[in-house]
């Protein structure tokens, strides 16, 4: 019996794997299951090519592991690069000289007919308008007077609730395309009546009657208030002719030193750059007045400080999606428009300079055979004679967006993150329902009201927030770069642990961005966006509740706790 057993045992042992082989088989099995790493040297049956590939994969895995461990450092580096890039934008070495892409415009290449007789007529209209202003006449009285003057000039005229208008129909016009000229009753700062701008418009109505070279219909519009009148006209306008380009006149004082060009439209939309370049070129060479951007000084130096001033002036309007002047309401109607603002001074320019500038600019628009499309629609203007193309400033927003997105890669429990994001969304919905961002700020600000996730739930909520805002920043930058940079700064301040204030008593760190967001949401200028949303569709108002209130809520829900 023992001999049979002894005979069987060697055969069984010969067919069974040796202990070292069993270990390698187990290692392979664990490696296939993803439970253990297998070095290429552990399997003698691998070919040299397979071993080399295994070493390469192992090396790549170690590199990825090192990067993952230093992800915070990569994020910091990208943030610094993005901020430095933004700070370099005002420097002249990034600028390019302006030029005209649409050759049909031919600015300042025509003979002008606006003369001192037209200036005298403008003075006559001005005297009547000043009497209405001094008598504190209501808008109905002013509107009746304007419609009467337009009719006496021989044009088809009419009115809406908040606007009076006339239509100039030249003999050569087919009535399918049009140019618009407007002058609102109030000046851009609402402290002065734009009587000279309106008088200029009335004199142009009579001036155009004698002209036969115009190929476009011309609409002359005088609106009540500052923005409401022009928007009311556009809302009521039955498009017999498509309006391609427009000029808005703002001339509140008896004379001006130079012409300021305001170009920002609602929601950060910009006119085709050829419109700005044409008006600036004509003002300098046909009108004899120096052009400037906004109401900044004319003939600025080409240096960093000049670029900084101009970009800050642009950001003040575009970051909240606000139009810089009355022309801005035309942006949503796909009309390339700017405002010519006579910067108040004791001379030397007046009706004569403004009239010739307007005539020559409109003559350039009159040469167009199609809508402006050749030049840029995305740009920054650090100087009247220079611009920043989109390729020079957009990478800054992309890099900042990438730095935010990277922080969202580590999401251990996505479902928990989504569930904890619901209170942030609800806070925005509550604010929108009552149309007041102060209410959700007050509700969220009470720590006893808003729950706070812990552990992996907190980490997952932060990760999803970083992914959402990181994707939103570069997308928004394509449409409104200043608004995207504002959002990037708020997100970094609100969600980054670097910018936090320690509270030893509670063993937590509170993000600085939480207070910055609260101050922004309670800022009176933000509450004024509601009227602009109702009047001409400023999307910054719904964005307050869809983007900023949830960001504030997430920031409040996820304070960093000490061990």
Foldseek 3Di string as FASTA:
>chain_A
DVVVVVVVVVVVVVPDDDPLVVVLVVQVVCVVVVNHDDQLVSDPVDDPVVNVVRVVVVVVVVVVVVCVVCVLVVLVVLLVVLVVLVLCVLFLVQWDFDDAQDPLLVFPPDDDDDDVVLVVQLVVQLVVVVVCVVVVPDQVVVQVVLQVLLVVLPFQWDADPWKTKTKADAPQEPQAEEEEEEEEQAALVRPFGQSSQVSLLSSVSNVCVPDRPFHHMYMYMYGYDWAQGVLRCVVPDDPSYHYAAYEYEGEGAQAFQAKAKFFAAALRWGFFVNLLLSLQVCLVNFLVGHYWHDLDDGPDDSGSVLLVVQQVVSLVANQLRHGSGNQRLCVVVNYHYMYIHRHDDPDDGHSSSVNRSVVSSVVSVSSDPDHDDRGDRDWGDSTSGIIRDCVSNLVSQLSLLVSLLSLLPDQPDQVLLVVLLVVLLVLLVVCVVVVANLVSLVQLVPVVRRAADDDNSLSNVSSVLSNVLSVVLSVSCVRGVSNSVVSSVLLCQLRPPVQWCADVVQQWTQGPSLVVLSCVRPPVVLSVVVVVCVSRNRPSSSCCSVPSSSSSNSSSRRIGGDD
